[in-house]
Amino acid sequence: MVDDKYFEDMKQKMLLEGYEEHIETISVKKANYLSILYCAPFMLIFFSLYQMKYGGVLAIFDSISQMIILIISSFLLIVIHEAIHGLTWGLVCENGMKSIKFGVFWSSLTPYCHCKEPLTFNKYLIGALMPFIILGIGFAVFGIVYGSLLVFWLGMVNILGAGGDLMIAMMLRNYRKAMIIDHPSQIGFVAYQK
């Protein structure tokens, strides 16, 4: 579990420095619903592009082994997704990777990456969206350009997997001048602005 004491200490420090606190969190149920809505436009665009170029985007894979590869790869990419968050944030954190915590919420079997340092809007946003850009858009574009249905579907799975990140990006839009800290135990963040 994430270190709540460190979070509370950082919170007190920010408040003493004159920052105003804005807690932006969301329930898991609402996050799941909204993340699908945020992913839908991207998925529709890529489905349309693949369909226009090749047709048969909803085609069944040539073999069972391709389906098995898709399923196994999707689970492995969940871990890579979190690693990309951590590495991106680690590059811009004052304390580097020491400020990054990886773990698993065992109650939901969900891996997570938590950045303990306050970050500027741009740094936090880039770290939040990097898995979507690399694994979602990157794989989808690769699949379309090279005609790989398997890689295309991996892109679609990763766009869907980044739905929460897209939702966080939308929640961030009102805090462009704030310092952002990951919430240690809920979906969302805490913004501190003067």
N, C-alpha and C. Protein backbone atom coordinates (compact mmCIF):
# COMPACT_ATOMS: atom_id res chain seq x y z
N MET A 1 0.84 -1.19 0.00
CA MET A 1 0.00 0.00 0.00
C MET A 1 0.88 1.26 0.00
N VAL A 2 0.35 2.30 -0.54
CA VAL A 2 1.08 3.56 -0.64
C VAL A 2 1.26 4.19 0.75
N ASP A 3 2.36 4.89 0.94
CA ASP A 3 2.70 5.50 2.22
C ASP A 3 1.82 6.73 2.49
N ASP A 4 0.76 6.55 3.27
CA ASP A 4 -0.17 7.64 3.58
C ASP A 4 0.49 8.71 4.45
N LYS A 5 1.45 8.33 5.30
CA LYS A 5 2.11 9.31 6.16
C LYS A 5 2.90 10.31 5.30
N TYR A 6 3.59 9.83 4.30
CA TYR A 6 4.33 10.72 3.42
C TYR A 6 3.37 11.68 2.73
N PHE A 7 2.23 11.16 2.28
CA PHE A 7 1.22 11.99 1.62
C PHE A 7 0.71 13.07 2.57
N GLU A 8 0.41 12.69 3.81
CA GLU A 8 -0.09 13.65 4.80
C GLU A 8 0.96 14.72 5.11
N ASP A 9 2.23 14.30 5.21
CA ASP A 9 3.31 15.27 5.45
C ASP A 9 3.43 16.25 4.29
N MET A 10 3.35 15.73 3.06
CA MET A 10 3.43 16.59 1.87
C MET A 10 2.24 17.54 1.82
N LYS A 11 1.07 17.03 2.19
CA LYS A 11 -0.15 17.86 2.23
C LYS A 11 0.03 19.03 3.19
N GLN A 12 0.52 18.75 4.39
CA GLN A 12 0.72 19.79 5.39
C GLN A 12 1.75 20.82 4.91
N LYS A 13 2.81 20.34 4.27
CA LYS A 13 3.84 21.24 3.74
C LYS A 13 3.23 22.19 2.71
N MET A 14 2.43 21.65 1.80
CA MET A 14 1.82 22.48 0.74
C MET A 14 0.86 23.50 1.35
N LEU A 15 0.09 23.08 2.34
CA LEU A 15 -0.86 24.00 2.96
C LEU A 15 -0.14 25.11 3.72
N LEU A 16 0.97 24.77 4.41
CA LEU A 16 1.75 25.78 5.12
C LEU A 16 2.40 26.77 4.16
N GLU A 17 2.67 26.33 2.94
CA GLU A 17 3.26 27.22 1.94
C GLU A 17 2.21 28.10 1.26
N GLY A 18 0.96 27.99 1.71
CA GLY A 18 -0.09 28.86 1.19
C GLY A 18 -0.87 28.33 0.01
N TYR A 19 -0.72 27.05 -0.28
CA TYR A 19 -1.47 26.46 -1.38
C TYR A 19 -2.89 26.11 -0.91
N GLU A 20 -3.83 26.19 -1.83
CA GLU A 20 -5.20 25.78 -1.57
C GLU A 20 -5.36 24.35 -2.12
N GLU A 21 -5.99 23.49 -1.35
CA GLU A 21 -6.11 22.08 -1.71
C GLU A 21 -7.42 21.80 -2.45
N HIS A 22 -7.31 21.03 -3.53
CA HIS A 22 -8.48 20.58 -4.29
C HIS A 22 -8.35 19.08 -4.50
N ILE A 23 -9.20 18.32 -3.82
CA ILE A 23 -9.15 16.86 -3.93
C ILE A 23 -10.04 16.44 -5.10
N GLU A 24 -9.44 15.76 -6.07
CA GLU A 24 -10.15 15.31 -7.27
C GLU A 24 -10.06 13.79 -7.35
N THR A 25 -11.02 13.12 -6.74
CA THR A 25 -11.06 11.66 -6.78
C THR A 25 -12.42 11.21 -7.31
N ILE A 26 -12.48 9.95 -7.67
CA ILE A 26 -13.69 9.41 -8.27
C ILE A 26 -13.85 7.95 -7.85
N SER A 27 -15.07 7.48 -7.74
CA SER A 27 -15.31 6.09 -7.35
C SER A 27 -14.92 5.15 -8.49
N VAL A 28 -14.63 3.91 -8.15
CA VAL A 28 -14.26 2.91 -9.15
C VAL A 28 -15.40 2.72 -10.15
N LYS A 29 -16.63 2.67 -9.67
CA LYS A 29 -17.78 2.45 -10.55
C LYS A 29 -17.91 3.58 -11.57
N LYS A 30 -17.83 4.82 -11.09
CA LYS A 30 -17.94 5.97 -11.98
C LYS A 30 -16.74 6.03 -12.93
N ALA A 31 -15.56 5.70 -12.42
CA ALA A 31 -14.36 5.71 -13.25
C ALA A 31 -14.48 4.71 -14.40
N ASN A 32 -14.98 3.52 -14.11
CA ASN A 32 -15.15 2.50 -15.16
C ASN A 32 -16.12 2.98 -16.24
N TYR A 33 -17.20 3.59 -15.82
CA TYR A 33 -18.20 4.09 -16.76
C TYR A 33 -17.63 5.22 -17.62
N LEU A 34 -17.03 6.21 -16.96
CA LEU A 34 -16.50 7.37 -17.68
C LEU A 34 -15.33 7.00 -18.58
N SER A 35 -14.50 6.07 -18.13
CA SER A 35 -13.33 5.72 -18.93
C SER A 35 -13.74 5.11 -20.27
N ILE A 36 -14.83 4.36 -20.28
CA ILE A 36 -15.33 3.81 -21.54
C ILE A 36 -15.79 4.94 -22.46
N LEU A 37 -16.46 5.94 -21.89
CA LEU A 37 -16.90 7.09 -22.69
C LEU A 37 -15.72 7.85 -23.28
N TYR A 38 -14.65 8.03 -22.51
CA TYR A 38 -13.48 8.75 -23.00
C TYR A 38 -12.72 7.96 -24.06
N CYS A 39 -12.75 6.64 -23.98
CA CYS A 39 -12.05 5.79 -24.95
C CYS A 39 -12.80 5.66 -26.27
N ALA A 40 -14.12 5.70 -26.21
CA ALA A 40 -14.94 5.41 -27.38
C ALA A 40 -14.57 6.22 -28.62
N PRO A 41 -14.39 7.55 -28.53
CA PRO A 41 -14.05 8.29 -29.76
C PRO A 41 -12.75 7.82 -30.41
N PHE A 42 -11.73 7.56 -29.59
CA PHE A 42 -10.45 7.10 -30.14
C PHE A 42 -10.61 5.73 -30.80
N MET A 43 -11.33 4.84 -30.14
CA MET A 43 -11.52 3.50 -30.69
C MET A 43 -12.32 3.57 -32.00
N LEU A 44 -13.34 4.39 -32.06
CA LEU A 44 -14.13 4.53 -33.28
C LEU A 44 -13.28 5.06 -34.44
N ILE A 45 -12.42 6.03 -34.16
CA ILE A 45 -11.54 6.56 -35.20
C ILE A 45 -10.62 5.47 -35.73
N PHE A 46 -9.97 4.74 -34.84
CA PHE A 46 -9.03 3.70 -35.29
C PHE A 46 -9.75 2.53 -35.95
N PHE A 47 -10.91 2.14 -35.43
CA PHE A 47 -11.69 1.08 -36.10
C PHE A 47 -12.04 1.51 -37.52
N SER A 48 -12.46 2.76 -37.67
CA SER A 48 -12.83 3.27 -39.00
C SER A 48 -11.63 3.26 -39.94
N LEU A 49 -10.47 3.71 -39.45
CA LEU A 49 -9.27 3.72 -40.29
C LEU A 49 -8.87 2.32 -40.72
N TYR A 50 -8.91 1.38 -39.77
CA TYR A 50 -8.54 0.00 -40.12
C TYR A 50 -9.55 -0.57 -41.11
N GLN A 51 -10.81 -0.32 -40.86
CA GLN A 51 -11.87 -0.83 -41.74
C GLN A 51 -11.72 -0.27 -43.15
N MET A 52 -11.43 1.04 -43.27
CA MET A 52 -11.27 1.65 -44.59
C MET A 52 -10.08 1.05 -45.34
N LYS A 53 -9.01 0.75 -44.61
CA LYS A 53 -7.81 0.25 -45.28
C LYS A 53 -7.87 -1.24 -45.59
N TYR A 54 -8.41 -2.04 -44.65
CA TYR A 54 -8.35 -3.48 -44.80
C TYR A 54 -9.72 -4.16 -44.80
N GLY A 55 -10.73 -3.53 -44.20
CA GLY A 55 -12.00 -4.22 -44.01
C GLY A 55 -11.83 -5.29 -42.94
N GLY A 56 -12.90 -5.80 -42.46
CA GLY A 56 -12.83 -6.93 -41.54
C GLY A 56 -12.13 -6.68 -40.22
N VAL A 57 -12.27 -5.48 -39.64
CA VAL A 57 -11.63 -5.20 -38.36
C VAL A 57 -12.16 -6.12 -37.26
N LEU A 58 -13.38 -6.53 -37.40
CA LEU A 58 -13.96 -7.42 -36.39
C LEU A 58 -13.76 -8.88 -36.75
N ALA A 59 -12.89 -9.13 -37.72
CA ALA A 59 -12.62 -10.50 -38.15
C ALA A 59 -12.09 -11.33 -37.00
N ILE A 60 -12.45 -12.58 -37.04
CA ILE A 60 -11.93 -13.53 -36.06
C ILE A 60 -10.47 -13.80 -36.44
N PHE A 61 -9.63 -13.96 -35.44
CA PHE A 61 -8.23 -14.24 -35.71
C PHE A 61 -8.08 -15.56 -36.46
N ASP A 62 -6.96 -15.67 -37.17
CA ASP A 62 -6.71 -16.85 -37.99
C ASP A 62 -6.61 -18.14 -37.17
N SER A 63 -6.20 -18.01 -35.92
CA SER A 63 -6.00 -19.21 -35.11
C SER A 63 -6.28 -18.93 -33.64
N ILE A 64 -6.47 -20.00 -32.91
CA ILE A 64 -6.65 -19.90 -31.46
C ILE A 64 -5.38 -19.35 -30.83
N SER A 65 -4.22 -19.71 -31.40
CA SER A 65 -2.96 -19.24 -30.82
C SER A 65 -2.88 -17.71 -30.85
N GLN A 66 -3.42 -17.07 -31.89
CA GLN A 66 -3.42 -15.60 -31.93
C GLN A 66 -4.30 -15.03 -30.82
N MET A 67 -5.42 -15.66 -30.53
CA MET A 67 -6.28 -15.20 -29.44
C MET A 67 -5.56 -15.36 -28.10
N ILE A 68 -4.86 -16.48 -27.93
CA ILE A 68 -4.12 -16.71 -26.69
C ILE A 68 -3.01 -15.68 -26.54
N ILE A 69 -2.31 -15.38 -27.65
CA ILE A 69 -1.26 -14.35 -27.62
C ILE A 69 -1.86 -13.01 -27.22
N LEU A 70 -3.02 -12.66 -27.78
CA LEU A 70 -3.68 -11.40 -27.44
C LEU A 70 -4.01 -11.33 -25.95
N ILE A 71 -4.55 -12.40 -25.41
CA ILE A 71 -4.95 -12.42 -24.00
C ILE A 71 -3.72 -12.32 -23.09
N ILE A 72 -2.71 -13.14 -23.35
CA ILE A 72 -1.50 -13.12 -22.51
C ILE A 72 -0.80 -11.76 -22.63
N SER A 73 -0.67 -11.25 -23.86
CA SER A 73 -0.02 -9.96 -24.07
C SER A 73 -0.77 -8.84 -23.36
N SER A 74 -2.09 -8.92 -23.36
CA SER A 74 -2.88 -7.88 -22.69
C SER A 74 -2.56 -7.83 -21.21
N PHE A 75 -2.42 -8.99 -20.56
CA PHE A 75 -2.09 -9.01 -19.14
C PHE A 75 -0.67 -8.50 -18.90
N LEU A 76 0.26 -8.88 -19.74
CA LEU A 76 1.64 -8.39 -19.60
C LEU A 76 1.72 -6.88 -19.81
N LEU A 77 0.91 -6.38 -20.73
CA LEU A 77 0.94 -4.95 -21.03
C LEU A 77 0.35 -4.11 -19.90
N ILE A 78 -0.44 -4.71 -19.03
CA ILE A 78 -0.94 -3.98 -17.86
C ILE A 78 0.25 -3.57 -16.98
N VAL A 79 1.17 -4.50 -16.79
CA VAL A 79 2.37 -4.22 -15.99
C VAL A 79 3.25 -3.19 -16.71
N ILE A 80 3.41 -3.34 -18.02
CA ILE A 80 4.20 -2.39 -18.79
C ILE A 80 3.57 -1.01 -18.76
N HIS A 81 2.24 -0.96 -18.80
CA HIS A 81 1.50 0.30 -18.70
C HIS A 81 1.90 1.06 -17.43
N GLU A 82 1.88 0.36 -16.30
CA GLU A 82 2.24 1.00 -15.03
C GLU A 82 3.72 1.38 -15.00
N ALA A 83 4.56 0.54 -15.61
CA ALA A 83 6.00 0.86 -15.66
C ALA A 83 6.25 2.13 -16.47
N ILE A 84 5.48 2.33 -17.54
CA ILE A 84 5.64 3.54 -18.35
C ILE A 84 5.26 4.77 -17.54
N HIS A 85 4.16 4.68 -16.77
CA HIS A 85 3.81 5.80 -15.88
C HIS A 85 5.01 6.12 -14.99
N GLY A 86 5.52 5.09 -14.32
CA GLY A 86 6.60 5.28 -13.35
C GLY A 86 7.87 5.81 -13.96
N LEU A 87 8.27 5.25 -15.08
CA LEU A 87 9.51 5.71 -15.73
C LEU A 87 9.38 7.15 -16.21
N THR A 88 8.22 7.49 -16.76
CA THR A 88 8.02 8.86 -17.25
C THR A 88 8.06 9.84 -16.09
N TRP A 89 7.31 9.55 -15.03
CA TRP A 89 7.33 10.44 -13.87
C TRP A 89 8.70 10.45 -13.21
N GLY A 90 9.34 9.28 -13.15
CA GLY A 90 10.67 9.20 -12.54
C GLY A 90 11.69 10.10 -13.22
N LEU A 91 11.56 10.26 -14.52
CA LEU A 91 12.49 11.12 -15.27
C LEU A 91 12.35 12.60 -14.90
N VAL A 92 11.17 13.00 -14.43
CA VAL A 92 10.94 14.42 -14.12
C VAL A 92 10.86 14.71 -12.63
N CYS A 93 10.90 13.69 -11.81
CA CYS A 93 10.86 13.88 -10.36
C CYS A 93 12.22 14.35 -9.85
N GLU A 94 12.18 15.20 -8.86
CA GLU A 94 13.40 15.68 -8.23
C GLU A 94 14.21 14.52 -7.66
N ASN A 95 13.52 13.55 -7.06
CA ASN A 95 14.19 12.39 -6.47
C ASN A 95 14.18 11.17 -7.38
N GLY A 96 13.88 11.37 -8.65
CA GLY A 96 13.89 10.29 -9.62
C GLY A 96 12.97 9.14 -9.24
N MET A 97 13.45 7.94 -9.47
CA MET A 97 12.64 6.74 -9.22
C MET A 97 12.39 6.50 -7.74
N LYS A 98 13.10 7.18 -6.85
CA LYS A 98 12.83 7.05 -5.42
C LYS A 98 11.44 7.57 -5.08
N SER A 99 10.90 8.43 -5.93
CA SER A 99 9.56 9.00 -5.69
C SER A 99 8.44 8.16 -6.31
N ILE A 100 8.82 7.05 -6.92
CA ILE A 100 7.83 6.20 -7.60
C ILE A 100 7.62 4.92 -6.82
N LYS A 101 6.36 4.58 -6.63
CA LYS A 101 5.99 3.36 -5.90
C LYS A 101 5.13 2.49 -6.80
N PHE A 102 5.50 1.24 -6.95
CA PHE A 102 4.70 0.27 -7.69
C PHE A 102 4.10 -0.72 -6.71
N GLY A 103 2.94 -1.22 -7.02
CA GLY A 103 2.31 -2.22 -6.16
C GLY A 103 1.06 -2.78 -6.81
N VAL A 104 0.33 -3.51 -6.00
CA VAL A 104 -0.93 -4.12 -6.46
C VAL A 104 -1.98 -3.89 -5.40
N PHE A 105 -3.14 -3.39 -5.81
CA PHE A 105 -4.30 -3.35 -4.92
C PHE A 105 -4.89 -4.75 -4.97
N TRP A 106 -4.60 -5.56 -3.94
CA TRP A 106 -4.95 -6.97 -3.97
C TRP A 106 -6.45 -7.22 -3.97
N SER A 107 -7.22 -6.30 -3.42
CA SER A 107 -8.67 -6.50 -3.38
C SER A 107 -9.28 -6.53 -4.79
N SER A 108 -8.64 -5.83 -5.73
CA SER A 108 -9.16 -5.82 -7.10
C SER A 108 -8.13 -6.38 -8.10
N LEU A 109 -7.02 -6.92 -7.58
CA LEU A 109 -5.93 -7.44 -8.41
C LEU A 109 -5.50 -6.42 -9.47
N THR A 110 -5.37 -5.16 -9.03
CA THR A 110 -5.03 -4.08 -9.94
C THR A 110 -3.65 -3.53 -9.64
N PRO A 111 -2.71 -3.66 -10.60
CA PRO A 111 -1.40 -3.05 -10.40
C PRO A 111 -1.54 -1.53 -10.41
N TYR A 112 -0.65 -0.85 -9.72
CA TYR A 112 -0.69 0.61 -9.72
C TYR A 112 0.71 1.18 -9.72
N CYS A 113 0.80 2.43 -10.11
CA CYS A 113 2.01 3.22 -10.00
C CYS A 113 1.60 4.50 -9.31
N HIS A 114 2.37 4.89 -8.30
CA HIS A 114 2.07 6.10 -7.53
C HIS A 114 3.30 6.99 -7.52
N CYS A 115 3.09 8.26 -7.85
CA CYS A 115 4.16 9.25 -7.78
C CYS A 115 3.96 10.06 -6.50
N LYS A 116 4.95 10.02 -5.61
CA LYS A 116 4.82 10.68 -4.31
C LYS A 116 5.13 12.17 -4.36
N GLU A 117 5.87 12.61 -5.36
CA GLU A 117 6.27 14.01 -5.44
C GLU A 117 5.19 14.87 -6.09
N PRO A 118 5.08 16.11 -5.64
CA PRO A 118 4.21 17.03 -6.38
C PRO A 118 4.85 17.36 -7.73
N LEU A 119 4.04 17.38 -8.76
CA LEU A 119 4.52 17.68 -10.11
C LEU A 119 3.72 18.83 -10.70
N THR A 120 4.33 19.53 -11.64
CA THR A 120 3.59 20.56 -12.36
C THR A 120 2.53 19.88 -13.23
N PHE A 121 1.59 20.65 -13.68
CA PHE A 121 0.52 20.15 -14.53
C PHE A 121 1.07 19.36 -15.72
N ASN A 122 2.01 19.98 -16.47
CA ASN A 122 2.54 19.33 -17.68
C ASN A 122 3.26 18.02 -17.38
N LYS A 123 4.07 18.01 -16.34
CA LYS A 123 4.80 16.79 -15.99
C LYS A 123 3.86 15.68 -15.57
N TYR A 124 2.86 16.02 -14.76
CA TYR A 124 1.91 15.01 -14.32
C TYR A 124 1.10 14.49 -15.50
N LEU A 125 0.64 15.40 -16.35
CA LEU A 125 -0.18 15.02 -17.50
C LEU A 125 0.58 14.11 -18.46
N ILE A 126 1.82 14.45 -18.76
CA ILE A 126 2.61 13.62 -19.67
C ILE A 126 2.79 12.22 -19.10
N GLY A 127 3.10 12.12 -17.82
CA GLY A 127 3.25 10.80 -17.19
C GLY A 127 1.95 10.02 -17.18
N ALA A 128 0.85 10.73 -16.99
CA ALA A 128 -0.46 10.06 -16.97
C ALA A 128 -0.84 9.52 -18.35
N LEU A 129 -0.51 10.26 -19.40
CA LEU A 129 -0.95 9.89 -20.76
C LEU A 129 0.05 9.04 -21.55
N MET A 130 1.28 8.91 -21.08
CA MET A 130 2.30 8.21 -21.87
C MET A 130 1.92 6.76 -22.22
N PRO A 131 1.34 5.96 -21.32
CA PRO A 131 0.94 4.61 -21.73
C PRO A 131 -0.12 4.62 -22.83
N PHE A 132 -1.04 5.56 -22.76
CA PHE A 132 -2.07 5.70 -23.80
C PHE A 132 -1.42 6.00 -25.14
N ILE A 133 -0.44 6.91 -25.13
CA ILE A 133 0.22 7.31 -26.37
C ILE A 133 1.05 6.15 -26.94
N ILE A 134 1.87 5.52 -26.11
CA ILE A 134 2.77 4.47 -26.59
C ILE A 134 2.04 3.17 -26.89
N LEU A 135 1.31 2.66 -25.91
CA LEU A 135 0.70 1.34 -26.06
C LEU A 135 -0.64 1.37 -26.78
N GLY A 136 -1.39 2.45 -26.62
CA GLY A 136 -2.68 2.55 -27.27
C GLY A 136 -2.57 3.07 -28.69
N ILE A 137 -2.26 4.34 -28.81
CA ILE A 137 -2.15 4.95 -30.13
C ILE A 137 -1.01 4.32 -30.94
N GLY A 138 0.14 4.12 -30.30
CA GLY A 138 1.28 3.55 -31.01
C GLY A 138 0.98 2.19 -31.62
N PHE A 139 0.40 1.28 -30.83
CA PHE A 139 0.08 -0.05 -31.34
C PHE A 139 -1.01 0.03 -32.41
N ALA A 140 -2.02 0.86 -32.20
CA ALA A 140 -3.11 0.98 -33.17
C ALA A 140 -2.58 1.48 -34.51
N VAL A 141 -1.75 2.52 -34.48
CA VAL A 141 -1.19 3.06 -35.72
C VAL A 141 -0.29 2.01 -36.39
N PHE A 142 0.54 1.34 -35.62
CA PHE A 142 1.40 0.29 -36.17
C PHE A 142 0.55 -0.79 -36.85
N GLY A 143 -0.51 -1.22 -36.16
CA GLY A 143 -1.39 -2.25 -36.72
C GLY A 143 -2.03 -1.82 -38.02
N ILE A 144 -2.41 -0.55 -38.11
CA ILE A 144 -3.03 -0.04 -39.34
C ILE A 144 -1.99 0.08 -40.45
N VAL A 145 -0.84 0.66 -40.15
CA VAL A 145 0.20 0.87 -41.17
C VAL A 145 0.71 -0.45 -41.73
N TYR A 146 0.93 -1.42 -40.85
CA TYR A 146 1.53 -2.69 -41.29
C TYR A 146 0.52 -3.82 -41.45
N GLY A 147 -0.74 -3.53 -41.27
CA GLY A 147 -1.78 -4.54 -41.50
C GLY A 147 -1.77 -5.69 -40.51
N SER A 148 -1.36 -5.42 -39.28
CA SER A 148 -1.33 -6.47 -38.27
C SER A 148 -2.58 -6.38 -37.39
N LEU A 149 -3.49 -7.31 -37.59
CA LEU A 149 -4.72 -7.31 -36.81
C LEU A 149 -4.44 -7.54 -35.33
N LEU A 150 -3.46 -8.39 -35.02
CA LEU A 150 -3.11 -8.66 -33.63
C LEU A 150 -2.59 -7.40 -32.94
N VAL A 151 -1.67 -6.71 -33.57
CA VAL A 151 -1.11 -5.49 -32.96
C VAL A 151 -2.20 -4.41 -32.87
N PHE A 152 -3.05 -4.34 -33.90
CA PHE A 152 -4.16 -3.39 -33.86
C PHE A 152 -5.05 -3.64 -32.64
N TRP A 153 -5.41 -4.91 -32.42
CA TRP A 153 -6.28 -5.23 -31.27
C TRP A 153 -5.56 -4.97 -29.94
N LEU A 154 -4.25 -5.18 -29.91
CA LEU A 154 -3.51 -4.84 -28.69
C LEU A 154 -3.60 -3.33 -28.44
N GLY A 155 -3.55 -2.55 -29.49
CA GLY A 155 -3.73 -1.11 -29.36
C GLY A 155 -5.11 -0.77 -28.81
N MET A 156 -6.13 -1.44 -29.31
CA MET A 156 -7.49 -1.18 -28.84
C MET A 156 -7.64 -1.55 -27.36
N VAL A 157 -7.08 -2.69 -26.98
CA VAL A 157 -7.13 -3.11 -25.58
C VAL A 157 -6.41 -2.08 -24.70
N ASN A 158 -5.29 -1.56 -25.19
CA ASN A 158 -4.52 -0.59 -24.41
C ASN A 158 -5.18 0.79 -24.36
N ILE A 159 -5.89 1.15 -25.41
CA ILE A 159 -6.67 2.40 -25.35
C ILE A 159 -7.74 2.25 -24.27
N LEU A 160 -8.42 1.12 -24.28
CA LEU A 160 -9.44 0.88 -23.25
C LEU A 160 -8.81 0.84 -21.86
N GLY A 161 -7.63 0.24 -21.76
CA GLY A 161 -6.92 0.17 -20.48
C GLY A 161 -6.45 1.53 -19.98
N ALA A 162 -6.35 2.50 -20.89
CA ALA A 162 -5.92 3.85 -20.51
C ALA A 162 -7.11 4.78 -20.28
N GLY A 163 -8.30 4.22 -20.24
CA GLY A 163 -9.49 5.05 -20.05
C GLY A 163 -9.44 5.85 -18.76
N GLY A 164 -8.95 5.25 -17.70
CA GLY A 164 -8.82 5.97 -16.44
C GLY A 164 -7.83 7.12 -16.55
N ASP A 165 -6.77 6.91 -17.33
CA ASP A 165 -5.78 7.97 -17.53
C ASP A 165 -6.38 9.13 -18.32
N LEU A 166 -7.20 8.81 -19.31
CA LEU A 166 -7.89 9.86 -20.08
C LEU A 166 -8.84 10.64 -19.18
N MET A 167 -9.51 9.91 -18.30
CA MET A 167 -10.43 10.56 -17.36
C MET A 167 -9.67 11.49 -16.42
N ILE A 168 -8.52 11.05 -15.93
CA ILE A 168 -7.68 11.88 -15.07
C ILE A 168 -7.25 13.14 -15.84
N ALA A 169 -6.87 12.97 -17.11
CA ALA A 169 -6.47 14.11 -17.92
C ALA A 169 -7.60 15.14 -18.02
N MET A 170 -8.82 14.66 -18.15
CA MET A 170 -9.96 15.58 -18.21
C MET A 170 -10.17 16.27 -16.86
N MET A 171 -9.96 15.55 -15.78
CA MET A 171 -10.11 16.14 -14.45
C MET A 171 -9.03 17.20 -14.20
N LEU A 172 -7.87 17.04 -14.82
CA LEU A 172 -6.75 17.96 -14.63
C LEU A 172 -6.94 19.31 -15.30
N ARG A 173 -7.82 19.40 -16.28
CA ARG A 173 -7.90 20.59 -17.14
C ARG A 173 -8.10 21.90 -16.39
N ASN A 174 -8.66 21.85 -15.19
CA ASN A 174 -8.88 23.08 -14.41
C ASN A 174 -7.70 23.45 -13.52
N TYR A 175 -6.61 22.69 -13.60
CA TYR A 175 -5.49 22.89 -12.68
C TYR A 175 -4.16 23.10 -13.41
N ARG A 176 -4.17 23.88 -14.45
CA ARG A 176 -2.97 24.09 -15.28
C ARG A 176 -1.83 24.77 -14.53
N LYS A 177 -2.14 25.54 -13.49
CA LYS A 177 -1.11 26.24 -12.74
C LYS A 177 -0.88 25.62 -11.37
N ALA A 178 -1.41 24.45 -11.15
CA ALA A 178 -1.32 23.80 -9.84
C ALA A 178 -0.16 22.83 -9.76
N MET A 179 0.17 22.47 -8.53
CA MET A 179 1.07 21.35 -8.28
C MET A 179 0.16 20.15 -8.02
N ILE A 180 0.48 19.03 -8.64
CA ILE A 180 -0.40 17.85 -8.60
C ILE A 180 0.31 16.72 -7.86
N ILE A 181 -0.42 16.07 -6.96
CA ILE A 181 0.08 14.89 -6.26
C ILE A 181 -0.94 13.77 -6.45
N ASP A 182 -0.43 12.59 -6.80
CA ASP A 182 -1.29 11.41 -6.88
C ASP A 182 -1.98 11.20 -5.54
N HIS A 183 -3.26 10.84 -5.59
CA HIS A 183 -3.90 10.44 -4.33
C HIS A 183 -3.38 9.07 -3.96
N PRO A 184 -3.02 8.83 -2.70
CA PRO A 184 -2.38 7.57 -2.34
C PRO A 184 -3.28 6.35 -2.31
N SER A 185 -4.59 6.53 -2.21
CA SER A 185 -5.44 5.34 -2.06
C SER A 185 -6.72 5.38 -2.88
N GLN A 186 -6.93 6.44 -3.65
CA GLN A 186 -8.13 6.54 -4.47
C GLN A 186 -7.76 6.89 -5.91
N ILE A 187 -8.73 6.75 -6.80
CA ILE A 187 -8.49 7.12 -8.19
C ILE A 187 -8.57 8.64 -8.28
N GLY A 188 -7.47 9.25 -8.64
CA GLY A 188 -7.46 10.70 -8.77
C GLY A 188 -6.19 11.32 -8.21
N PHE A 189 -6.31 12.60 -7.88
CA PHE A 189 -5.15 13.37 -7.47
C PHE A 189 -5.61 14.49 -6.55
N VAL A 190 -4.63 15.17 -5.99
CA VAL A 190 -4.90 16.36 -5.19
C VAL A 190 -4.12 17.49 -5.85
N ALA A 191 -4.82 18.58 -6.17
CA ALA A 191 -4.18 19.74 -6.80
C ALA A 191 -3.99 20.83 -5.74
N TYR A 192 -2.83 21.42 -5.76
CA TYR A 192 -2.52 22.51 -4.84
C TYR A 192 -2.20 23.75 -5.68
N GLN A 193 -3.00 24.79 -5.49
CA GLN A 193 -2.74 26.03 -6.23
C GLN A 193 -2.90 27.23 -5.34
N LYS A 194 -2.19 28.28 -5.70
CA LYS A 194 -2.23 29.53 -4.92
C LYS A 194 -3.23 30.47 -5.54
